[in-house]
Amino acid sequence: MASLAEAQECDLRHYKFKNFHGFILKDAKRLQRKTDHWFLEKEKSDSIIVRHRELIHTLEVPLNCLTKALRRFSYVDTIDVTENSDYLIQNWFDKIPEMARYTLSSKEISALNSEIINSWKNKFERKKAHLLLARRLYLSSPGTCLIAFYSDNPTIGIDLWSLKGISKEDAKILALWLNSSINILQLLYMGVACEGPWMKLHDYMLDRLLVPDPKALTPKEKAELLRVFNNTKEIIFRSFMEQFKTRDKNRKTIDRAWLQVLGYKGDVDQFLDRLYSSLADEIELLKSLMAEKEVQEETAEEE
């Protein structure tokens, strides 16, 4: 992977001041942390109406002060996130102190200024890309539906790698590969570092991550993969575990396309059924092992 793209790490610390971060969530179900306060209620032609998660409090935010980005990839269920992303504050507007007062003290609010917001914009511009790849994977989570995402407009995502230097067309093809079951198998085989139930994809692992070079594909192969991307880019995917357990037809569409490119000659359906069963079992095993480890650590602490 490293030979095809420059990987830029994106972390919430890059887009926050004290306990106030610049994200407005597209959907209330993505409000997973106490620091996530605002979500989209209504879109207008030149602004959005945002609502506080707990209070009957709405604000109007100008669109020219925002850009699209992902606060997290949990519960993001489409490969193409061009229209399915959250919002990130990029320019100062007069309602920012009002938004921040639920997380900052009066003294901290007085220190929040346009220079801080501009620093968020500068980091966004430096890190944005058409292709994003998860840095921390929780494959057994009901909210993990996909691990790689494409955007027509270069963007960033928290706890995702921004894979820069890739054209739109190549990013579409690589998003399919990175979400394929073959790549999930590769990640498990690589022994991606485990942190509790999470698996972490470190930067040095990107050097070892095998991906097809889109420029080495034949015109016919590339056309077929782009056709599959266009047919699946807005499909809503369920969790990985559900996809594997139900032999999800859209997952099969992606995997069949890659098996054809790789020249697989056997019974594709039979192979994929075995693969899905094995992947589901492996993910369940990892989940149970991590749960046992946590229990053992808690017991040791009590002793």
Protein backbone atom coordinates (compact mmCIF):
# COMPACT_ATOMS: atom_id res chain seq x y z
CA MET A 1 0.00 0.00 0.00
CA ALA A 2 2.78 2.42 0.93
CA SER A 3 4.14 2.33 -2.62
CA LEU A 4 0.85 3.65 -4.02
CA ALA A 5 -0.13 6.30 -1.49
CA GLU A 6 1.10 8.65 1.20
CA ALA A 7 -0.70 7.82 4.45
CA GLN A 8 -1.70 10.69 6.74
CA GLU A 9 -2.95 9.95 10.25
CA CYS A 10 -6.09 11.77 11.42
CA ASP A 11 -6.92 12.03 15.10
CA LEU A 12 -9.55 14.02 17.00
CA ARG A 13 -6.80 16.04 18.68
CA HIS A 14 -6.18 17.70 15.31
CA TYR A 15 -9.68 19.21 15.27
CA LYS A 16 -10.47 20.13 18.86
CA PHE A 17 -9.83 22.81 21.47
CA LYS A 18 -9.86 21.49 25.03
CA ASN A 19 -13.08 19.39 25.11
CA PHE A 20 -14.76 21.10 22.15
CA HIS A 21 -14.34 19.50 18.73
CA GLY A 22 -15.46 20.83 15.37
CA PHE A 23 -17.69 17.98 14.21
CA ILE A 24 -21.44 18.10 13.62
CA LEU A 25 -22.77 14.56 13.18
CA LYS A 26 -24.94 13.76 10.17
CA ASP A 27 -27.12 11.34 12.13
CA ALA A 28 -28.04 11.15 15.82
CA LYS A 29 -27.08 7.45 15.91
CA ARG A 30 -23.45 8.48 15.36
CA LEU A 31 -23.44 10.38 18.68
CA GLN A 32 -21.38 7.82 20.58
CA ARG A 33 -19.23 9.92 22.91
CA LYS A 34 -20.12 12.46 25.58
CA THR A 35 -18.10 15.06 23.68
CA ASP A 36 -20.39 14.66 20.63
CA HIS A 37 -23.05 17.31 21.21
CA TRP A 38 -24.42 18.49 17.87
CA PHE A 39 -26.11 16.66 15.02
CA LEU A 40 -27.83 17.61 11.77
CA GLU A 41 -31.55 18.30 11.95
CA LYS A 42 -32.22 19.96 8.60
CA GLU A 43 -30.34 20.96 5.47
CA LYS A 44 -31.09 24.26 3.73
CA SER A 45 -29.69 25.77 0.54
CA ASP A 46 -26.91 27.75 2.22
CA SER A 47 -26.98 26.56 5.84
CA ILE A 48 -27.85 23.67 8.12
CA ILE A 49 -29.93 23.51 11.29
CA VAL A 50 -28.15 21.60 14.06
CA ARG A 51 -29.63 20.27 17.30
CA HIS A 52 -28.08 19.56 20.68
CA ARG A 53 -28.22 15.89 21.66
CA GLU A 54 -30.00 16.46 24.99
CA LEU A 55 -31.45 19.97 25.04
CA ILE A 56 -34.15 21.61 22.94
CA HIS A 57 -31.58 23.88 21.39
CA THR A 58 -31.05 24.45 17.68
CA LEU A 59 -28.66 26.68 15.78
CA GLU A 60 -28.24 27.68 12.15
CA VAL A 61 -24.75 27.16 10.74
CA PRO A 62 -23.64 28.61 7.36
CA LEU A 63 -22.47 25.96 4.91
CA ASN A 64 -19.55 28.12 3.77
CA CYS A 65 -18.04 27.64 7.24
CA LEU A 66 -18.18 23.84 7.00
CA THR A 67 -16.70 20.96 5.05
CA LYS A 68 -17.59 17.26 4.89
CA ALA A 69 -15.58 14.80 7.01
CA LEU A 70 -16.09 11.66 9.13
CA ARG A 71 -16.17 11.96 12.92
CA ARG A 72 -15.80 8.17 13.06
CA PHE A 73 -16.43 5.26 10.72
CA SER A 74 -18.66 3.30 13.10
CA TYR A 75 -22.19 3.07 11.62
CA VAL A 76 -21.02 4.55 8.32
CA ASP A 77 -22.64 2.01 6.04
CA THR A 78 -21.89 3.14 2.46
CA ILE A 79 -18.60 2.89 0.58
CA ASP A 80 -19.12 6.29 -1.04
CA VAL A 81 -19.33 8.91 1.71
CA THR A 82 -19.53 11.96 -0.56
CA GLU A 83 -23.10 12.58 0.67
CA ASN A 84 -22.92 10.45 3.82
CA SER A 85 -20.26 12.33 5.78
CA ASP A 86 -20.52 14.46 8.87
CA TYR A 87 -19.68 18.17 8.96
CA LEU A 88 -16.47 19.78 10.23
CA ILE A 89 -16.15 23.46 11.14
CA GLN A 90 -13.58 25.18 8.90
CA ASN A 91 -14.24 28.91 9.32
CA TRP A 92 -15.23 31.09 12.24
CA PHE A 93 -18.90 32.12 12.64
CA ASP A 94 -20.64 33.92 15.47
CA LYS A 95 -22.46 30.86 16.91
CA ILE A 96 -19.28 28.91 17.72
CA PRO A 97 -19.08 30.17 21.34
CA GLU A 98 -22.72 29.16 21.81
CA MET A 99 -21.95 25.67 20.52
CA ALA A 100 -18.88 25.39 22.75
CA ARG A 101 -20.49 26.49 26.01
CA TYR A 102 -21.67 22.96 26.80
CA THR A 103 -18.09 21.68 26.97
CA LEU A 104 -15.92 24.71 27.80
CA SER A 105 -15.67 27.08 30.74
CA SER A 106 -16.20 30.82 30.24
CA LYS A 107 -12.44 31.34 30.41
CA GLU A 108 -11.83 28.65 27.79
CA ILE A 109 -14.52 30.08 25.50
CA SER A 110 -12.84 33.49 25.63
CA ALA A 111 -9.62 31.83 24.41
CA LEU A 112 -11.37 30.08 21.50
CA ASN A 113 -10.79 32.21 18.40
CA SER A 114 -10.55 32.21 14.61
CA GLU A 115 -6.86 31.25 14.65
CA ILE A 116 -7.73 27.93 16.30
CA ILE A 117 -10.49 27.27 13.77
CA ASN A 118 -8.12 28.18 10.92
CA SER A 119 -5.62 25.63 12.25
CA TRP A 120 -8.33 22.96 11.83
CA LYS A 121 -8.76 24.05 8.22
CA ASN A 122 -5.02 23.94 7.55
CA LYS A 123 -4.76 20.40 8.96
CA PHE A 124 -7.76 19.31 6.91
CA GLU A 125 -6.23 20.68 3.71
CA ARG A 126 -2.92 18.97 4.44
CA LYS A 127 -4.45 15.57 5.18
CA LYS A 128 -7.49 15.27 2.88
CA ALA A 129 -7.75 12.46 0.32
CA HIS A 130 -10.27 10.61 -1.86
CA LEU A 131 -9.60 7.32 -0.04
CA LEU A 132 -9.82 6.62 3.70
CA LEU A 133 -8.84 3.42 5.53
CA ALA A 134 -9.62 2.52 9.13
CA ARG A 135 -6.70 2.67 11.57
CA ARG A 136 -8.53 0.93 14.43
CA LEU A 137 -10.76 -1.99 13.46
CA TYR A 138 -13.41 -3.59 15.64
CA LEU A 139 -14.69 -6.21 13.22
CA SER A 140 -17.14 -7.81 15.64
CA SER A 141 -18.85 -4.51 16.45
CA PRO A 142 -22.42 -4.07 15.15
CA GLY A 143 -21.36 -0.63 13.94
CA THR A 144 -18.46 -1.81 11.77
CA CYS A 145 -19.94 -2.19 8.31
CA LEU A 146 -16.97 -1.19 6.14
CA ILE A 147 -13.32 -0.26 6.70
CA ALA A 148 -12.52 1.85 3.62
CA PHE A 149 -14.37 4.80 2.15
CA TYR A 150 -14.34 6.88 -1.02
CA SER A 151 -15.29 10.54 -1.43
CA ASP A 152 -15.56 12.57 -4.63
CA ASN A 153 -14.34 15.55 -2.64
CA PRO A 154 -11.10 14.91 -0.74
CA THR A 155 -11.83 14.54 2.97
CA ILE A 156 -10.56 13.17 6.29
CA GLY A 157 -11.86 10.82 8.95
CA ILE A 158 -11.01 10.42 12.61
CA ASP A 159 -9.14 7.17 13.32
CA LEU A 160 -8.75 6.63 9.58
CA TRP A 161 -5.73 6.86 7.33
CA SER A 162 -6.01 9.44 4.56
CA LEU A 163 -4.39 7.77 1.55
CA LYS A 164 -3.12 10.69 -0.52
CA GLY A 165 -1.84 10.81 -4.07
CA ILE A 166 -4.46 8.48 -5.55
CA SER A 167 -6.75 9.54 -8.39
CA LYS A 168 -10.53 9.33 -8.05
CA GLU A 169 -10.72 6.31 -10.35
CA ASP A 170 -7.96 4.42 -8.56
CA ALA A 171 -9.44 5.33 -5.16
CA LYS A 172 -12.75 3.72 -6.19
CA ILE A 173 -10.99 0.50 -7.18
CA LEU A 174 -8.88 0.40 -4.01
CA ALA A 175 -11.93 1.09 -1.81
CA LEU A 176 -13.45 -2.08 -3.26
CA TRP A 177 -10.28 -4.07 -2.59
CA LEU A 178 -9.81 -2.83 0.96
CA ASN A 179 -13.42 -3.75 1.79
CA SER A 180 -13.16 -7.15 0.12
CA SER A 181 -13.20 -10.35 2.16
CA ILE A 182 -9.80 -11.21 0.71
CA ASN A 183 -8.34 -8.11 2.32
CA ILE A 184 -10.12 -8.79 5.63
CA LEU A 185 -8.50 -12.23 5.58
CA GLN A 186 -5.13 -10.58 4.85
CA LEU A 187 -5.50 -8.24 7.84
CA LEU A 188 -6.32 -11.13 10.16
CA TYR A 189 -3.40 -13.16 8.75
CA MET A 190 -1.01 -10.23 9.21
CA GLY A 191 -1.86 -10.29 12.90
CA VAL A 192 -2.89 -6.65 13.11
CA ALA A 193 -2.01 -5.47 16.61
CA CYS A 194 -4.81 -6.06 19.13
CA GLU A 195 -5.80 -3.53 21.78
CA GLY A 196 -8.71 -5.08 23.64
CA PRO A 197 -11.41 -5.83 21.05
CA TRP A 198 -9.77 -3.38 18.64
CA MET A 199 -7.18 -4.21 16.01
CA LYS A 200 -4.81 -1.41 15.09
CA LEU A 201 -3.35 -0.92 11.63
CA HIS A 202 -0.03 0.83 12.30
CA ASP A 203 1.78 2.84 9.66
CA TYR A 204 4.57 0.27 9.28
CA MET A 205 1.91 -2.35 8.47
CA LEU A 206 0.88 -0.35 5.41
CA ASP A 207 4.27 -1.31 3.93
CA ARG A 208 3.24 -4.97 4.19
CA LEU A 209 -0.38 -4.56 3.16
CA LEU A 210 -0.77 -6.09 -0.30
CA VAL A 211 -3.04 -4.22 -2.70
CA PRO A 212 -3.43 -4.43 -6.47
CA ASP A 213 -1.90 -1.62 -8.49
CA PRO A 214 -4.85 -0.14 -10.43
CA LYS A 215 -2.47 0.93 -13.19
CA ALA A 216 -1.50 -2.72 -13.78
CA LEU A 217 -5.10 -3.74 -14.46
CA THR A 218 -6.28 -4.31 -18.02
CA PRO A 219 -8.87 -1.86 -19.41
CA LYS A 220 -11.49 -4.63 -19.21
CA GLU A 221 -10.67 -5.43 -15.56
CA LYS A 222 -10.71 -1.77 -14.61
CA ALA A 223 -14.04 -1.18 -16.36
CA GLU A 224 -15.61 -4.15 -14.55
CA LEU A 225 -14.35 -3.03 -11.14
CA LEU A 226 -15.62 0.51 -11.72
CA ARG A 227 -18.98 -0.93 -12.76
CA VAL A 228 -19.13 -2.92 -9.51
CA PHE A 229 -18.15 0.19 -7.54
CA ASN A 230 -20.92 2.24 -9.14
CA ASN A 231 -23.44 -0.52 -8.42
CA THR A 232 -22.45 -0.88 -4.76
CA LYS A 233 -21.21 2.57 -3.71
CA GLU A 234 -24.51 3.68 -2.17
CA ILE A 235 -25.72 0.26 -1.01
CA ILE A 236 -26.30 0.15 2.75
CA PHE A 237 -24.09 -2.58 4.23
CA ARG A 238 -24.90 -4.27 7.51
CA SER A 239 -22.21 -5.14 10.05
CA PHE A 240 -19.34 -7.36 8.89
CA MET A 241 -20.57 -10.19 11.11
CA GLU A 242 -24.05 -10.03 9.57
CA GLN A 243 -22.56 -9.86 6.07
CA PHE A 244 -20.49 -12.99 6.64
CA LYS A 245 -23.20 -14.94 8.45
CA THR A 246 -25.89 -14.18 5.84
CA ARG A 247 -23.59 -14.48 2.80
CA ASP A 248 -24.53 -10.92 1.86
CA LYS A 249 -25.17 -10.61 -1.88
CA ASN A 250 -23.49 -7.21 -2.21
CA ARG A 251 -20.38 -8.50 -0.46
CA LYS A 252 -20.41 -11.43 -2.88
CA THR A 253 -20.58 -9.03 -5.81
CA ILE A 254 -17.39 -7.30 -4.67
CA ASP A 255 -15.58 -10.54 -3.86
CA ARG A 256 -16.55 -12.22 -7.14
CA ALA A 257 -15.13 -9.28 -9.08
CA TRP A 258 -11.77 -9.57 -7.32
CA LEU A 259 -11.60 -13.35 -7.63
CA GLN A 260 -12.12 -12.92 -11.37
CA VAL A 261 -9.28 -10.38 -11.56
CA LEU A 262 -7.04 -12.72 -9.53
CA GLY A 263 -7.79 -15.54 -11.97
CA TYR A 264 -9.57 -17.91 -9.58
CA LYS A 265 -10.82 -20.94 -11.55
CA GLY A 266 -12.72 -22.92 -8.92
CA ASP A 267 -16.33 -22.83 -7.73
CA VAL A 268 -16.64 -19.21 -6.63
CA ASP A 269 -19.83 -19.59 -4.57
CA GLN A 270 -18.49 -22.61 -2.72
CA PHE A 271 -15.19 -20.85 -2.02
CA LEU A 272 -16.90 -17.70 -0.74
CA ASP A 273 -19.29 -19.64 1.48
CA ARG A 274 -16.31 -21.35 3.13
CA LEU A 275 -14.42 -18.07 3.39
CA TYR A 276 -17.34 -16.24 5.00
CA SER A 277 -17.87 -19.03 7.50
CA SER A 278 -14.17 -19.05 8.41
CA LEU A 279 -14.00 -15.27 8.76
CA ALA A 280 -17.09 -15.17 10.98
CA ASP A 281 -15.61 -17.90 13.19
CA GLU A 282 -12.24 -16.13 13.39
CA ILE A 283 -13.79 -12.81 14.35
CA GLU A 284 -15.99 -14.49 16.98
CA LEU A 285 -12.90 -16.25 18.37
CA LEU A 286 -10.96 -12.99 18.60
CA LYS A 287 -13.91 -11.38 20.35
CA SER A 288 -14.15 -14.18 22.94
CA LEU A 289 -10.37 -14.24 23.51
CA MET A 290 -10.31 -10.51 24.13
CA ALA A 291 -13.27 -10.83 26.51
CA GLU A 292 -11.44 -13.57 28.46
CA LYS A 293 -8.31 -11.41 28.58
CA GLU A 294 -10.27 -8.50 30.03
CA VAL A 295 -11.79 -10.74 32.72
CA GLN A 296 -8.34 -12.11 33.64
CA GLU A 297 -6.91 -8.59 33.88
CA GLU A 298 -9.79 -7.44 36.09
CA THR A 299 -9.33 -10.50 38.34
CA ALA A 300 -5.59 -9.85 38.62
CA GLU A 301 -6.23 -6.23 39.60
CA GLU A 302 -8.67 -7.33 42.34
CA GLU A 303 -6.11 -9.79 43.73
